[in-house]
Amino acid sequence: MFFGLDWATAFIKISFEVVFSIVSAIPAWIAWNCVAPVYLSMYIPKVFQHIPYWHVVAIFLTFTYVGQLINKLVPKIINIERDKK
């Protein structure tokens, strides 16, 4: 790329993924910390009933990056092409 734009686009992509994980972890964190102590108290240990917010963000980031790796490593199983007429 010209003038290192490949680094700039990679930085923008990673920044978007981090911000998306931070924002999307808010409802998941609230939902888990409201639901788990009430309905899952008999089934999960006490340490998992109140998960810290930044742990949820790390889980979202991990799932994002692992999903990207799987998408790159696994070949396309189904190849759908349109009929050329």
Protein backbone atom coordinates (compact mmCIF):
# COMPACT_ATOMS: atom_id res chain seq x y z
CA MET A 1 0.00 0.00 0.00
CA PHE A 2 0.94 3.62 -0.37
CA PHE A 3 2.49 5.38 2.66
CA GLY A 4 1.73 2.48 4.99
CA LEU A 5 -2.02 2.56 4.54
CA ASP A 6 -2.15 -1.17 5.17
CA TRP A 7 -1.04 -0.49 8.76
CA ALA A 8 -3.58 2.30 9.08
CA THR A 9 -6.44 0.12 7.84
CA ALA A 10 -5.37 -2.72 10.16
CA PHE A 11 -5.30 -0.27 13.09
CA ILE A 12 -8.76 1.03 12.20
CA LYS A 13 -10.13 -2.52 11.91
CA ILE A 14 -8.67 -3.60 15.26
CA SER A 15 -9.87 -0.39 16.92
CA PHE A 16 -13.39 -0.98 15.60
CA GLU A 17 -13.38 -4.55 16.94
CA VAL A 18 -12.22 -3.40 20.37
CA VAL A 19 -14.81 -0.60 20.56
CA PHE A 20 -17.54 -2.96 19.31
CA SER A 21 -16.61 -5.49 22.00
CA ILE A 22 -16.63 -2.83 24.72
CA VAL A 23 -20.05 -1.53 23.67
CA SER A 24 -21.68 -4.90 23.00
CA ALA A 25 -20.44 -6.34 26.30
CA ILE A 26 -22.56 -3.88 28.30
CA PRO A 27 -25.95 -5.59 27.76
CA ALA A 28 -24.43 -9.06 28.08
CA TRP A 29 -22.75 -8.12 31.37
CA ILE A 30 -25.93 -6.56 32.77
CA ALA A 31 -28.06 -9.50 31.70
CA TRP A 32 -25.66 -12.08 33.13
CA ASN A 33 -25.21 -10.34 36.45
CA CYS A 34 -29.00 -9.95 36.83
CA VAL A 35 -29.99 -13.44 35.71
CA ALA A 36 -27.23 -15.68 37.07
CA PRO A 37 -27.62 -14.96 40.80
CA VAL A 38 -31.37 -15.44 40.64
CA TYR A 39 -31.87 -18.39 38.31
CA LEU A 40 -28.51 -20.16 38.19
CA SER A 41 -27.49 -20.01 41.85
CA MET A 42 -28.03 -23.74 42.32
CA TYR A 43 -26.15 -24.76 39.17
CA ILE A 44 -23.03 -22.60 38.91
CA PRO A 45 -20.44 -21.65 41.54
CA LYS A 46 -20.68 -18.29 43.26
CA VAL A 47 -17.57 -16.98 41.50
CA PHE A 48 -19.32 -17.24 38.11
CA GLN A 49 -22.50 -15.51 39.24
CA HIS A 50 -20.96 -12.02 39.21
CA ILE A 51 -18.51 -11.69 36.33
CA PRO A 52 -16.51 -8.43 36.13
CA TYR A 53 -17.24 -6.21 33.13
CA TRP A 54 -13.74 -6.32 31.65
CA HIS A 55 -13.79 -10.12 31.73
CA VAL A 56 -16.89 -10.05 29.52
CA VAL A 57 -15.11 -7.65 27.13
CA ALA A 58 -12.15 -10.04 27.00
CA ILE A 59 -14.49 -12.95 26.24
CA PHE A 60 -16.07 -10.98 23.38
CA LEU A 61 -12.64 -10.07 21.97
CA THR A 62 -11.43 -13.65 22.25
CA PHE A 63 -14.49 -14.97 20.43
CA THR A 64 -14.02 -12.33 17.71
CA TYR A 65 -10.39 -13.22 17.05
CA VAL A 66 -10.91 -16.99 17.30
CA GLY A 67 -13.82 -16.70 14.89
CA GLN A 68 -11.64 -14.81 12.43
CA LEU A 69 -8.91 -17.45 12.71
CA ILE A 70 -11.38 -20.26 12.13
CA ASN A 71 -12.79 -18.39 9.15
CA LYS A 72 -9.31 -18.06 7.64
CA LEU A 73 -8.11 -21.59 8.40
CA VAL A 74 -11.16 -23.65 7.49
CA PRO A 75 -11.65 -24.01 3.75
CA LYS A 76 -15.00 -23.17 2.31
CA ILE A 77 -17.11 -26.29 2.63
CA ILE A 78 -19.97 -25.11 0.46
CA ASN A 79 -19.24 -23.05 -2.61
CA ILE A 80 -22.35 -21.38 -3.96
CA GLU A 81 -22.13 -19.70 -7.32
CA ARG A 82 -24.83 -18.10 -9.39
CA ASP A 83 -25.67 -19.60 -12.73
CA LYS A 84 -23.98 -17.69 -15.50
CA LYS A 85 -26.52 -16.99 -18.20
